[in-house]
Amino acid sequence: MKKDYIGSVKAGDSINDVFVLYEKNIAQKKDGSNYLNVVLSDKTGKIKGVVWDNIDKICAGKNTGDFVHIKGSVSEYKGTLQVVIKNMDTISSDSVDVSDFLPSTKHNIDSMFERLIKLTDSIEEKNLKALLEAFWSDIEFVENFKKAPAAKKMHHAYAGGLLEHTLSMALLADKIAGHYIGIDRDLLITGAILHDIGKIREFVYKFNIDYSDEGRLLSHIVIGIGLLDEKINKISQFPGSLAVLLRHMIVSHHGTREFGSPEPPKTIDAVLLNYIDEIDAKISGIREYIASDESGGNWTSYHRILERHFYTANNSMQNKEDEIGE
């Protein structure tokens, strides 16, 4: 039984337990000799680790994604906890409880999916409704869609994260579609539901979250277009112009080529989808960062990617449920 969880360890603790080897890389000491940097993970978070001695022996046969039994001690280095590792052995996945290592959404999977089905039922355009129903009748797709994360690190990076992110975006799309004149509500909601479907194959997420070979080679955008076309081709007389608009929404939902979209959004619906995606991803990622930060006081530590500290004194509503949790 696992007893040492990353989220509860502190400086001075001894470690003698199993973790996922999330990252590893060889570095050099000032004298030119090697040492090993690693990142360990379980369902409660990640922690850096370092191996100073017996590098070749400890590294042998260990790959990222492996379960490893770690013996060592927790210390503090530059204000951050790290594990000084004395021994690391590979453990068979058959001997562990996966739920100890893969973080998951705090929301009920089936309830979220039922709400997504209700949104599908509200779609009036017959071709879009038929398309969504084709996905929901695909048992293998639905099983993976419910389990998949939405990212490896930045936001909704846990099992069920893709469903949570998709539902949140679809609910936002429904609200925004009624705010502006001339928005195609059915197309916007359908785009919100399908924009990230390629992530069911971009990631592997049985024991930990990482990119699949297909994901690294193609990206979820290319995979998503393929999944979309597979279903469209099975629907009799699906309008070609509607298919192009949907493909464009998937292709452009990251906003710019710099952020991975082959084309920027060129329709009002695609522009809205890009901003809805950005809103949901950013708010989720910032909240997760605030919740995991241990700085204390009214400010978080510096967020390097977003290049700012976050003010926390007005976050009394942080633990309240959003509409997604109703």
C-alpha atoms as a PDB file:
ATOM      1  CA  MET A   1       0.000   0.000   0.000  1.00  0.00           C
ATOM      2  CA  LYS A   2       1.315   3.418  -0.922  1.00  0.00           C
ATOM      3  CA  LYS A   3       1.870   5.651   2.111  1.00  0.00           C
ATOM      4  CA  ASP A   4       4.211   8.459   0.982  1.00  0.00           C
ATOM      5  CA  TYR A   5       2.346  10.976  -1.173  1.00  0.00           C
ATOM      6  CA  ILE A   6       4.128  13.931  -2.721  1.00  0.00           C
ATOM      7  CA  GLY A   7       1.474  16.357  -1.573  1.00  0.00           C
ATOM      8  CA  SER A   8       2.159  15.611   2.097  1.00  0.00           C
ATOM      9  CA  VAL A   9       5.953  15.170   2.322  1.00  0.00           C
ATOM     10  CA  LYS A  10       8.122  17.774   4.057  1.00  0.00           C
ATOM     11  CA  ALA A  11      11.798  18.510   4.532  1.00  0.00           C
ATOM     12  CA  GLY A  12      13.451  15.906   6.767  1.00  0.00           C
ATOM     13  CA  ASP A  13      11.122  13.062   5.797  1.00  0.00           C
ATOM     14  CA  SER A  14      12.467   9.697   4.676  1.00  0.00           C
ATOM     15  CA  ILE A  15      11.033   8.259   1.459  1.00  0.00           C
ATOM     16  CA  ASN A  16      10.499   4.548   0.859  1.00  0.00           C
ATOM     17  CA  ASP A  17       7.692   4.176  -1.665  1.00  0.00           C
ATOM     18  CA  VAL A  18       6.637   3.909  -5.314  1.00  0.00           C
ATOM     19  CA  PHE A  19       6.290   6.835  -7.732  1.00  0.00           C
ATOM     20  CA  VAL A  20       6.100   7.428 -11.456  1.00  0.00           C
ATOM     21  CA  LEU A  21       9.388   8.448 -13.064  1.00  0.00           C
ATOM     22  CA  TYR A  22       7.958  11.513 -14.801  1.00  0.00           C
ATOM     23  CA  GLU A  23      11.215  12.970 -16.157  1.00  0.00           C
ATOM     24  CA  LYS A  24      14.925  12.203 -16.031  1.00  0.00           C
ATOM     25  CA  ASN A  25      18.038  13.822 -17.417  1.00  0.00           C
ATOM     26  CA  ILE A  26      21.780  13.618 -16.897  1.00  0.00           C
ATOM     27  CA  ALA A  27      23.627  16.743 -15.836  1.00  0.00           C
ATOM     28  CA  GLN A  28      27.262  17.511 -14.979  1.00  0.00           C
ATOM     29  CA  LYS A  29      28.831  18.603 -11.724  1.00  0.00           C
ATOM     30  CA  LYS A  30      31.483  21.311 -11.684  1.00  0.00           C
ATOM     31  CA  ASP A  31      34.178  18.623 -11.728  1.00  0.00           C
ATOM     32  CA  GLY A  32      32.707  17.143 -14.930  1.00  0.00           C
ATOM     33  CA  SER A  33      31.230  14.023 -13.345  1.00  0.00           C
ATOM     34  CA  ASN A  34      27.586  13.144 -13.942  1.00  0.00           C
ATOM     35  CA  TYR A  35      24.568  13.365 -11.691  1.00  0.00           C
ATOM     36  CA  LEU A  36      20.906  12.610 -12.394  1.00  0.00           C
ATOM     37  CA  ASN A  37      17.945  14.976 -12.180  1.00  0.00           C
ATOM     38  CA  VAL A  38      14.483  13.400 -12.062  1.00  0.00           C
ATOM     39  CA  VAL A  39      10.892  14.399 -11.507  1.00  0.00           C
ATOM     40  CA  LEU A  40       8.695  11.982  -9.563  1.00  0.00           C
ATOM     41  CA  SER A  41       4.904  12.056  -9.593  1.00  0.00           C
ATOM     42  CA  ASP A  42       1.811  10.574  -8.031  1.00  0.00           C
ATOM     43  CA  LYS A  43      -1.825  11.671  -7.956  1.00  0.00           C
ATOM     44  CA  THR A  44      -1.040  14.487  -5.509  1.00  0.00           C
ATOM     45  CA  GLY A  45       1.613  16.230  -7.575  1.00  0.00           C
ATOM     46  CA  LYS A  46       5.259  16.217  -8.646  1.00  0.00           C
ATOM     47  CA  ILE A  47       8.584  16.630  -6.893  1.00  0.00           C
ATOM     48  CA  LYS A  48      12.139  16.988  -8.151  1.00  0.00           C
ATOM     49  CA  GLY A  49      14.737  14.439  -7.212  1.00  0.00           C
ATOM     50  CA  VAL A  50      18.500  14.149  -7.558  1.00  0.00           C
ATOM     51  CA  VAL A  51      20.909  11.191  -7.641  1.00  0.00           C
ATOM     52  CA  TRP A  52      24.519  12.077  -6.837  1.00  0.00           C
ATOM     53  CA  ASP A  53      26.218   8.666  -6.798  1.00  0.00           C
ATOM     54  CA  ASN A  54      26.094   5.341  -8.695  1.00  0.00           C
ATOM     55  CA  ILE A  55      24.427   7.058 -11.652  1.00  0.00           C
ATOM     56  CA  ASP A  56      25.010   4.300 -14.206  1.00  0.00           C
ATOM     57  CA  LYS A  57      23.660   1.588 -11.941  1.00  0.00           C
ATOM     58  CA  ILE A  58      20.618   3.540 -10.814  1.00  0.00           C
ATOM     59  CA  CYS A  59      19.784   4.756 -14.365  1.00  0.00           C
ATOM     60  CA  ALA A  60      20.078   1.351 -16.006  1.00  0.00           C
ATOM     61  CA  GLY A  61      16.746   0.126 -17.390  1.00  0.00           C
ATOM     62  CA  LYS A  62      14.736   3.081 -16.058  1.00  0.00           C
ATOM     63  CA  ASN A  63      12.552   4.948 -18.543  1.00  0.00           C
ATOM     64  CA  THR A  64      10.180   7.865 -18.151  1.00  0.00           C
ATOM     65  CA  GLY A  65       6.726   6.576 -17.358  1.00  0.00           C
ATOM     66  CA  ASP A  66       8.051   3.633 -15.329  1.00  0.00           C
ATOM     67  CA  PHE A  67       6.940   2.920 -11.779  1.00  0.00           C
ATOM     68  CA  VAL A  68       9.982   3.164  -9.516  1.00  0.00           C
ATOM     69  CA  HIS A  69      10.524   2.301  -5.866  1.00  0.00           C
ATOM     70  CA  ILE A  70      12.438   5.188  -4.338  1.00  0.00           C
ATOM     71  CA  LYS A  71      14.535   5.195  -1.185  1.00  0.00           C
ATOM     72  CA  GLY A  72      15.856   8.564  -0.097  1.00  0.00           C
ATOM     73  CA  SER A  73      15.239  11.670   1.951  1.00  0.00           C
ATOM     74  CA  VAL A  74      13.428  14.958   1.425  1.00  0.00           C
ATOM     75  CA  SER A  75      15.412  18.186   1.682  1.00  0.00           C
ATOM     76  CA  GLU A  76      14.861  21.807   0.751  1.00  0.00           C
ATOM     77  CA  TYR A  77      16.892  23.403  -2.028  1.00  0.00           C
ATOM     78  CA  LYS A  78      16.418  27.059  -3.013  1.00  0.00           C
ATOM     79  CA  GLY A  79      13.031  27.102  -1.330  1.00  0.00           C
ATOM     80  CA  THR A  80      11.778  23.963  -3.097  1.00  0.00           C
ATOM     81  CA  LEU A  81      11.464  20.409  -1.812  1.00  0.00           C
ATOM     82  CA  GLN A  82      13.528  17.729  -3.508  1.00  0.00           C
ATOM     83  CA  VAL A  83      14.262  14.057  -2.899  1.00  0.00           C
ATOM     84  CA  VAL A  84      17.874  13.007  -2.520  1.00  0.00           C
ATOM     85  CA  ILE A  85      17.667   9.509  -3.977  1.00  0.00           C
ATOM     86  CA  LYS A  86      19.839   6.689  -2.657  1.00  0.00           C
ATOM     87  CA  ASN A  87      18.203   3.852  -4.583  1.00  0.00           C
ATOM     88  CA  MET A  88      15.686   3.484  -7.411  1.00  0.00           C
ATOM     89  CA  ASP A  89      14.231   0.151  -8.605  1.00  0.00           C
ATOM     90  CA  THR A  90      11.742  -0.471 -11.406  1.00  0.00           C
ATOM     91  CA  ILE A  91       8.370  -1.867 -10.286  1.00  0.00           C
ATOM     92  CA  SER A  92       5.873  -3.802 -12.414  1.00  0.00           C
ATOM     93  CA  SER A  93       2.642  -1.946 -13.158  1.00  0.00           C
ATOM     94  CA  ASP A  94       0.765  -5.093 -12.110  1.00  0.00           C
ATOM     95  CA  SER A  95       1.805  -4.513  -8.498  1.00  0.00           C
ATOM     96  CA  VAL A  96       0.450  -0.968  -8.114  1.00  0.00           C
ATOM     97  CA  ASP A  97      -2.943   0.668  -7.745  1.00  0.00           C
ATOM     98  CA  VAL A  98      -3.226   3.037 -10.709  1.00  0.00           C
ATOM     99  CA  SER A  99      -5.541   5.362  -8.757  1.00  0.00           C
ATOM    100  CA  ASP A 100      -2.558   6.248  -6.516  1.00  0.00           C
ATOM    101  CA  PHE A 101      -0.691   7.782  -9.434  1.00  0.00           C
ATOM    102  CA  LEU A 102      -3.057   9.279 -11.994  1.00  0.00           C
ATOM    103  CA  PRO A 103      -4.775  12.483 -10.827  1.00  0.00           C
ATOM    104  CA  SER A 104      -8.424  12.752 -11.825  1.00  0.00           C
ATOM    105  CA  THR A 105     -11.197  15.331 -12.017  1.00  0.00           C
ATOM    106  CA  LYS A 106     -13.031  16.093  -8.777  1.00  0.00           C
ATOM    107  CA  HIS A 107     -16.334  16.151 -10.681  1.00  0.00           C
ATOM    108  CA  ASN A 108     -18.572  13.187 -11.459  1.00  0.00           C
ATOM    109  CA  ILE A 109     -17.695  11.848 -14.915  1.00  0.00           C
ATOM    110  CA  ASP A 110     -21.138  10.471 -15.740  1.00  0.00           C
ATOM    111  CA  SER A 111     -22.916  13.627 -14.590  1.00  0.00           C
ATOM    112  CA  MET A 112     -20.694  15.814 -16.751  1.00  0.00           C
ATOM    113  CA  PHE A 113     -21.241  13.567 -19.751  1.00  0.00           C
ATOM    114  CA  GLU A 114     -25.018  13.622 -19.236  1.00  0.00           C
ATOM    115  CA  ARG A 115     -24.923  17.430 -19.313  1.00  0.00           C
ATOM    116  CA  LEU A 116     -22.988  17.306 -22.571  1.00  0.00           C
ATOM    117  CA  ILE A 117     -25.639  14.981 -24.023  1.00  0.00           C
ATOM    118  CA  LYS A 118     -28.356  17.471 -22.993  1.00  0.00           C
ATOM    119  CA  LEU A 119     -26.514  20.215 -24.854  1.00  0.00           C
ATOM    120  CA  THR A 120     -26.349  17.929 -27.875  1.00  0.00           C
ATOM    121  CA  ASP A 121     -30.110  17.410 -27.651  1.00  0.00           C
ATOM    122  CA  SER A 122     -30.576  21.190 -27.817  1.00  0.00           C
ATOM    123  CA  ILE A 123     -28.825  21.394 -31.225  1.00  0.00           C
ATOM    124  CA  GLU A 124     -31.409  22.148 -33.906  1.00  0.00           C
ATOM    125  CA  GLU A 125     -29.325  21.853 -37.092  1.00  0.00           C
ATOM    126  CA  LYS A 126     -29.924  18.239 -38.159  1.00  0.00           C
ATOM    127  CA  ASN A 127     -26.460  17.568 -39.621  1.00  0.00           C
ATOM    128  CA  LEU A 128     -24.612  18.851 -36.562  1.00  0.00           C
ATOM    129  CA  LYS A 129     -26.873  16.864 -34.253  1.00  0.00           C
ATOM    130  CA  ALA A 130     -26.311  13.734 -36.369  1.00  0.00           C
ATOM    131  CA  LEU A 131     -22.554  14.321 -36.215  1.00  0.00           C
ATOM    132  CA  LEU A 132     -22.473  14.626 -32.421  1.00  0.00           C
ATOM    133  CA  GLU A 133     -24.737  11.601 -32.040  1.00  0.00           C
ATOM    134  CA  ALA A 134     -22.337   9.635 -34.251  1.00  0.00           C
ATOM    135  CA  PHE A 135     -19.543  10.361 -31.770  1.00  0.00           C
ATOM    136  CA  TRP A 136     -21.695   9.534 -28.737  1.00  0.00           C
ATOM    137  CA  SER A 137     -22.775   6.197 -30.244  1.00  0.00           C
ATOM    138  CA  ASP A 138     -19.113   5.206 -30.685  1.00  0.00           C
ATOM    139  CA  ILE A 139     -18.496   3.258 -27.464  1.00  0.00           C
ATOM    140  CA  GLU A 140     -14.707   3.224 -27.766  1.00  0.00           C
ATOM    141  CA  PHE A 141     -14.576   6.961 -28.452  1.00  0.00           C
ATOM    142  CA  VAL A 142     -16.811   7.784 -25.473  1.00  0.00           C
ATOM    143  CA  GLU A 143     -14.782   5.576 -23.137  1.00  0.00           C
ATOM    144  CA  ASN A 144     -11.552   7.363 -24.113  1.00  0.00           C
ATOM    145  CA  PHE A 145     -13.209  10.799 -24.160  1.00  0.00           C
ATOM    146  CA  LYS A 146     -14.324  10.348 -20.546  1.00  0.00           C
ATOM    147  CA  LYS A 147     -10.848   9.290 -19.382  1.00  0.00           C
ATOM    148  CA  ALA A 148      -8.543  11.591 -21.355  1.00  0.00           C
ATOM    149  CA  PRO A 149      -6.739  14.617 -19.906  1.00  0.00           C
ATOM    150  CA  ALA A 150      -6.899  17.984 -21.654  1.00  0.00           C
ATOM    151  CA  ALA A 151      -3.155  18.586 -21.294  1.00  0.00           C
ATOM    152  CA  LYS A 152       0.039  17.176 -19.840  1.00  0.00           C
ATOM    153  CA  LYS A 153       0.837  20.175 -17.646  1.00  0.00           C
ATOM    154  CA  MET A 154      -0.902  23.488 -18.221  1.00  0.00           C
ATOM    155  CA  HIS A 155      -4.627  22.978 -17.522  1.00  0.00           C
ATOM    156  CA  HIS A 156      -7.050  20.133 -16.793  1.00  0.00           C
ATOM    157  CA  ALA A 157      -3.999  17.836 -16.688  1.00  0.00           C
ATOM    158  CA  TYR A 158      -5.753  14.890 -15.109  1.00  0.00           C
ATOM    159  CA  ALA A 159      -8.018  11.980 -16.023  1.00  0.00           C
ATOM    160  CA  GLY A 160     -11.421  13.344 -17.024  1.00  0.00           C
ATOM    161  CA  GLY A 161      -9.873  16.739 -17.727  1.00  0.00           C
ATOM    162  CA  LEU A 162     -10.841  16.689 -21.411  1.00  0.00           C
ATOM    163  CA  LEU A 163     -14.506  16.083 -20.595  1.00  0.00           C
ATOM    164  CA  GLU A 164     -14.447  18.769 -17.876  1.00  0.00           C
ATOM    165  CA  HIS A 165     -12.784  21.300 -20.197  1.00  0.00           C
ATOM    166  CA  THR A 166     -15.141  20.444 -23.071  1.00  0.00           C
ATOM    167  CA  LEU A 167     -18.286  20.773 -20.967  1.00  0.00           C
ATOM    168  CA  SER A 168     -17.101  24.071 -19.478  1.00  0.00           C
ATOM    169  CA  MET A 169     -16.401  25.442 -22.953  1.00  0.00           C
ATOM    170  CA  ALA A 170     -19.731  24.233 -24.333  1.00  0.00           C
ATOM    171  CA  LEU A 171     -21.588  25.945 -21.467  1.00  0.00           C
ATOM    172  CA  LEU A 172     -19.669  29.168 -22.113  1.00  0.00           C
ATOM    173  CA  ALA A 173     -20.397  28.888 -25.839  1.00  0.00           C
ATOM    174  CA  ASP A 174     -24.113  28.546 -25.098  1.00  0.00           C
ATOM    175  CA  LYS A 175     -24.081  31.734 -23.001  1.00  0.00           C
ATOM    176  CA  ILE A 176     -21.966  33.762 -25.439  1.00  0.00           C
ATOM    177  CA  ALA A 177     -23.987  32.689 -28.477  1.00  0.00           C
ATOM    178  CA  GLY A 178     -27.028  34.422 -26.996  1.00  0.00           C
ATOM    179  CA  HIS A 179     -25.131  37.617 -26.239  1.00  0.00           C
ATOM    180  CA  TYR A 180     -24.051  38.568 -29.763  1.00  0.00           C
ATOM    181  CA  ILE A 181     -26.318  38.977 -32.783  1.00  0.00           C
ATOM    182  CA  GLY A 182     -25.730  36.672 -35.730  1.00  0.00           C
ATOM    183  CA  ILE A 183     -23.810  33.904 -33.950  1.00  0.00           C
ATOM    184  CA  ASP A 184     -24.514  30.351 -35.107  1.00  0.00           C
ATOM    185  CA  ARG A 185     -25.227  28.808 -31.710  1.00  0.00           C
ATOM    186  CA  ASP A 186     -25.361  25.239 -33.003  1.00  0.00           C
ATOM    187  CA  LEU A 187     -22.053  25.567 -34.842  1.00  0.00           C
ATOM    188  CA  LEU A 188     -20.310  27.265 -31.900  1.00  0.00           C
ATOM    189  CA  ILE A 189     -21.424  24.621 -29.396  1.00  0.00           C
ATOM    190  CA  THR A 190     -20.515  21.800 -31.794  1.00  0.00           C
ATOM    191  CA  GLY A 191     -17.097  23.366 -32.328  1.00  0.00           C
ATOM    192  CA  ALA A 192     -16.606  23.654 -28.567  1.00  0.00           C
ATOM    193  CA  ILE A 193     -17.485  19.987 -28.094  1.00  0.00           C
ATOM    194  CA  LEU A 194     -15.257  18.715 -30.912  1.00  0.00           C
ATOM    195  CA  HIS A 195     -12.306  21.131 -30.866  1.00  0.00           C
ATOM    196  CA  ASP A 196     -10.031  18.911 -28.715  1.00  0.00           C
ATOM    197  CA  ILE A 197     -11.237  15.403 -29.626  1.00  0.00           C
ATOM    198  CA  GLY A 198      -7.793  14.554 -30.995  1.00  0.00           C
ATOM    199  CA  LYS A 199      -6.485  14.542 -27.436  1.00  0.00           C
ATOM    200  CA  ILE A 200      -7.950  11.092 -26.859  1.00  0.00           C
ATOM    201  CA  ARG A 201      -5.015   9.881 -28.976  1.00  0.00           C
ATOM    202  CA  GLU A 202      -2.506  12.696 -28.484  1.00  0.00           C
ATOM    203  CA  PHE A 203      -1.885  11.480 -24.938  1.00  0.00           C
ATOM    204  CA  VAL A 204      -1.343   8.165 -23.206  1.00  0.00           C
ATOM    205  CA  TYR A 205      -3.015   8.182 -19.818  1.00  0.00           C
ATOM    206  CA  LYS A 206      -3.218   4.692 -18.399  1.00  0.00           C
ATOM    207  CA  PHE A 207      -0.670   5.124 -15.590  1.00  0.00           C
ATOM    208  CA  ASN A 208       0.553   8.681 -16.103  1.00  0.00           C
ATOM    209  CA  ILE A 209       0.018  11.461 -18.628  1.00  0.00           C
ATOM    210  CA  ASP A 210       2.448  11.750 -21.505  1.00  0.00           C
ATOM    211  CA  TYR A 211       2.414  12.301 -25.251  1.00  0.00           C
ATOM    212  CA  SER A 212       1.828   9.313 -27.489  1.00  0.00           C
ATOM    213  CA  ASP A 213       4.044   8.773 -30.542  1.00  0.00           C
ATOM    214  CA  GLU A 214       1.084   9.766 -32.706  1.00  0.00           C
ATOM    215  CA  GLY A 215       0.524  12.863 -30.597  1.00  0.00           C
ATOM    216  CA  ARG A 216       4.114  14.045 -30.921  1.00  0.00           C
ATOM    217  CA  LEU A 217       4.196  13.347 -34.665  1.00  0.00           C
ATOM    218  CA  LEU A 218       0.806  14.811 -35.599  1.00  0.00           C
ATOM    219  CA  SER A 219      -0.706  16.899 -32.737  1.00  0.00           C
ATOM    220  CA  HIS A 220      -4.288  16.748 -31.528  1.00  0.00           C
ATOM    221  CA  ILE A 221      -5.383  19.197 -34.233  1.00  0.00           C
ATOM    222  CA  VAL A 222      -4.403  16.869 -37.089  1.00  0.00           C
ATOM    223  CA  ILE A 223      -5.745  13.819 -35.226  1.00  0.00           C
ATOM    224  CA  GLY A 224      -9.001  15.689 -34.510  1.00  0.00           C
ATOM    225  CA  ILE A 225      -9.535  16.542 -38.181  1.00  0.00           C
ATOM    226  CA  GLY A 226      -9.124  12.863 -39.003  1.00  0.00           C
ATOM    227  CA  LEU A 227     -11.666  11.810 -36.369  1.00  0.00           C
ATOM    228  CA  LEU A 228     -14.093  14.479 -37.574  1.00  0.00           C
ATOM    229  CA  ASP A 229     -13.825  13.390 -41.205  1.00  0.00           C
ATOM    230  CA  GLU A 230     -14.347   9.723 -40.291  1.00  0.00           C
ATOM    231  CA  LYS A 231     -17.744  10.586 -38.798  1.00  0.00           C
ATOM    232  CA  ILE A 232     -18.736  13.126 -41.466  1.00  0.00           C
ATOM    233  CA  ASN A 233     -18.073  10.567 -44.207  1.00  0.00           C
ATOM    234  CA  LYS A 234     -20.649   8.243 -42.624  1.00  0.00           C
ATOM    235  CA  ILE A 235     -23.424  10.861 -42.638  1.00  0.00           C
ATOM    236  CA  SER A 236     -25.411  10.984 -45.850  1.00  0.00           C
ATOM    237  CA  GLN A 237     -25.234  14.320 -47.683  1.00  0.00           C
ATOM    238  CA  PHE A 238     -23.431  16.202 -44.931  1.00  0.00           C
ATOM    239  CA  PRO A 239     -23.055  19.729 -46.380  1.00  0.00           C
ATOM    240  CA  GLY A 240     -19.522  20.340 -47.640  1.00  0.00           C
ATOM    241  CA  SER A 241     -19.540  23.988 -46.589  1.00  0.00           C
ATOM    242  CA  LEU A 242     -20.532  23.051 -43.023  1.00  0.00           C
ATOM    243  CA  ALA A 243     -17.748  20.461 -42.887  1.00  0.00           C
ATOM    244  CA  VAL A 244     -15.217  23.116 -43.938  1.00  0.00           C
ATOM    245  CA  LEU A 245     -16.413  25.510 -41.209  1.00  0.00           C
ATOM    246  CA  LEU A 246     -16.063  22.791 -38.569  1.00  0.00           C
ATOM    247  CA  ARG A 247     -12.606  21.813 -39.802  1.00  0.00           C
ATOM    248  CA  HIS A 248     -11.582  25.474 -39.670  1.00  0.00           C
ATOM    249  CA  MET A 249     -12.737  25.747 -36.051  1.00  0.00           C
ATOM    250  CA  ILE A 250     -10.577  22.786 -35.060  1.00  0.00           C
ATOM    251  CA  VAL A 251      -7.620  23.984 -37.130  1.00  0.00           C
ATOM    252  CA  SER A 252      -7.727  27.536 -35.748  1.00  0.00           C
ATOM    253  CA  HIS A 253      -8.750  27.103 -32.114  1.00  0.00           C
ATOM    254  CA  HIS A 254      -5.228  27.846 -30.783  1.00  0.00           C
ATOM    255  CA  GLY A 255      -5.473  31.272 -32.359  1.00  0.00           C
ATOM    256  CA  THR A 256      -2.101  31.722 -34.059  1.00  0.00           C
ATOM    257  CA  ARG A 257       0.512  29.695 -35.890  1.00  0.00           C
ATOM    258  CA  GLU A 258       2.894  30.498 -33.024  1.00  0.00           C
ATOM    259  CA  PHE A 259       0.647  28.524 -30.664  1.00  0.00           C
ATOM    260  CA  GLY A 260       0.103  25.575 -33.013  1.00  0.00           C
ATOM    261  CA  SER A 261      -2.807  26.525 -35.275  1.00  0.00           C
ATOM    262  CA  PRO A 262      -2.074  26.055 -38.997  1.00  0.00           C
ATOM    263  CA  GLU A 263      -4.424  28.989 -39.668  1.00  0.00           C
ATOM    264  CA  PRO A 264      -5.718  31.795 -37.421  1.00  0.00           C
ATOM    265  CA  PRO A 265      -9.491  32.086 -36.849  1.00  0.00           C
ATOM    266  CA  LYS A 266     -11.159  33.609 -39.919  1.00  0.00           C
ATOM    267  CA  THR A 267     -14.859  33.380 -38.997  1.00  0.00           C
ATOM    268  CA  ILE A 268     -16.646  35.036 -36.075  1.00  0.00           C
ATOM    269  CA  ASP A 269     -17.543  31.609 -34.661  1.00  0.00           C
ATOM    270  CA  ALA A 270     -13.919  30.463 -34.860  1.00  0.00           C
ATOM    271  CA  VAL A 271     -12.727  33.681 -33.177  1.00  0.00           C
ATOM    272  CA  LEU A 272     -15.186  33.136 -30.339  1.00  0.00           C
ATOM    273  CA  LEU A 273     -14.133  29.504 -29.988  1.00  0.00           C
ATOM    274  CA  ASN A 274     -10.473  30.517 -29.693  1.00  0.00           C
ATOM    275  CA  TYR A 275     -11.227  33.016 -26.917  1.00  0.00           C
ATOM    276  CA  ILE A 276     -13.560  30.615 -25.080  1.00  0.00           C
ATOM    277  CA  ASP A 277     -10.783  28.017 -25.140  1.00  0.00           C
ATOM    278  CA  GLU A 278      -8.282  30.580 -23.884  1.00  0.00           C
ATOM    279  CA  ILE A 279     -10.577  31.724 -21.073  1.00  0.00           C
ATOM    280  CA  ASP A 280     -11.276  28.229 -19.798  1.00  0.00           C
ATOM    281  CA  ALA A 281      -7.698  27.007 -20.067  1.00  0.00           C
ATOM    282  CA  LYS A 282      -6.233  30.124 -18.434  1.00  0.00           C
ATOM    283  CA  ILE A 283      -8.693  30.276 -15.532  1.00  0.00           C
ATOM    284  CA  SER A 284      -8.278  26.568 -14.809  1.00  0.00           C
ATOM    285  CA  GLY A 285      -4.490  26.742 -15.034  1.00  0.00           C
ATOM    286  CA  ILE A 286      -4.243  29.818 -12.790  1.00  0.00           C
ATOM    287  CA  ARG A 287      -6.566  28.321 -10.185  1.00  0.00           C
ATOM    288  CA  GLU A 288      -4.538  25.107 -10.147  1.00  0.00           C
ATOM    289  CA  TYR A 289      -1.355  27.159  -9.742  1.00  0.00           C
ATOM    290  CA  ILE A 290      -2.802  29.171  -6.851  1.00  0.00           C
ATOM    291  CA  ALA A 291      -4.067  26.015  -5.151  1.00  0.00           C
ATOM    292  CA  SER A 292      -0.676  24.297  -5.387  1.00  0.00           C
ATOM    293  CA  ASP A 293       1.440  27.321  -4.442  1.00  0.00           C
ATOM    294  CA  GLU A 294       2.944  27.243  -0.955  1.00  0.00           C
ATOM    295  CA  SER A 295       4.305  30.796  -0.747  1.00  0.00           C
ATOM    296  CA  GLY A 296       1.845  32.001   1.881  1.00  0.00           C
ATOM    297  CA  GLY A 297       0.757  35.605   2.229  1.00  0.00           C
ATOM    298  CA  ASN A 298      -1.255  37.515  -0.353  1.00  0.00           C
ATOM    299  CA  TRP A 299       0.781  36.597  -3.428  1.00  0.00           C
ATOM    300  CA  THR A 300       1.863  33.433  -5.192  1.00  0.00           C
ATOM    301  CA  SER A 301       5.405  32.782  -6.301  1.00  0.00           C
ATOM    302  CA  TYR A 302       6.320  34.016  -9.784  1.00  0.00           C
ATOM    303  CA  HIS A 303       4.604  32.154 -12.634  1.00  0.00           C
ATOM    304  CA  ARG A 304       7.344  31.944 -15.261  1.00  0.00           C
ATOM    305  CA  ILE A 305       5.118  31.154 -18.245  1.00  0.00           C
ATOM    306  CA  LEU A 306       2.527  33.847 -17.517  1.00  0.00           C
ATOM    307  CA  GLU A 307       5.253  36.172 -16.192  1.00  0.00           C
ATOM    308  CA  ARG A 308       3.513  37.436 -13.077  1.00  0.00           C
ATOM    309  CA  HIS A 309       2.639  36.793  -9.441  1.00  0.00           C
ATOM    310  CA  PHE A 310      -1.042  36.248  -8.617  1.00  0.00           C
ATOM    311  CA  TYR A 311      -2.842  38.085  -5.835  1.00  0.00           C
ATOM    312  CA  THR A 312      -4.601  35.592  -3.569  1.00  0.00           C
ATOM    313  CA  ALA A 313      -6.135  37.679  -0.788  1.00  0.00           C
ATOM    314  CA  ASN A 314      -9.399  38.070  -2.711  1.00  0.00           C
ATOM    315  CA  ASN A 315      -9.750  34.374  -3.511  1.00  0.00           C
ATOM    316  CA  SER A 316     -12.290  33.561  -0.819  1.00  0.00           C
ATOM    317  CA  MET A 317     -14.508  32.094  -3.548  1.00  0.00           C
ATOM    318  CA  GLN A 318     -11.768  29.766  -4.725  1.00  0.00           C
ATOM    319  CA  ASN A 319     -13.344  26.662  -3.219  1.00  0.00           C
ATOM    320  CA  LYS A 320     -16.865  27.478  -4.410  1.00  0.00           C
ATOM    321  CA  GLU A 321     -18.232  25.392  -7.274  1.00  0.00           C
ATOM    322  CA  ASP A 322     -18.458  26.822 -10.776  1.00  0.00           C
ATOM    323  CA  GLU A 323     -21.415  25.950 -12.942  1.00  0.00           C
ATOM    324  CA  ILE A 324     -19.455  22.923 -14.136  1.00  0.00           C
ATOM    325  CA  GLY A 325     -19.769  21.469 -10.646  1.00  0.00           C
ATOM    326  CA  GLU A 326     -23.496  21.882 -10.267  1.00  0.00           C
END
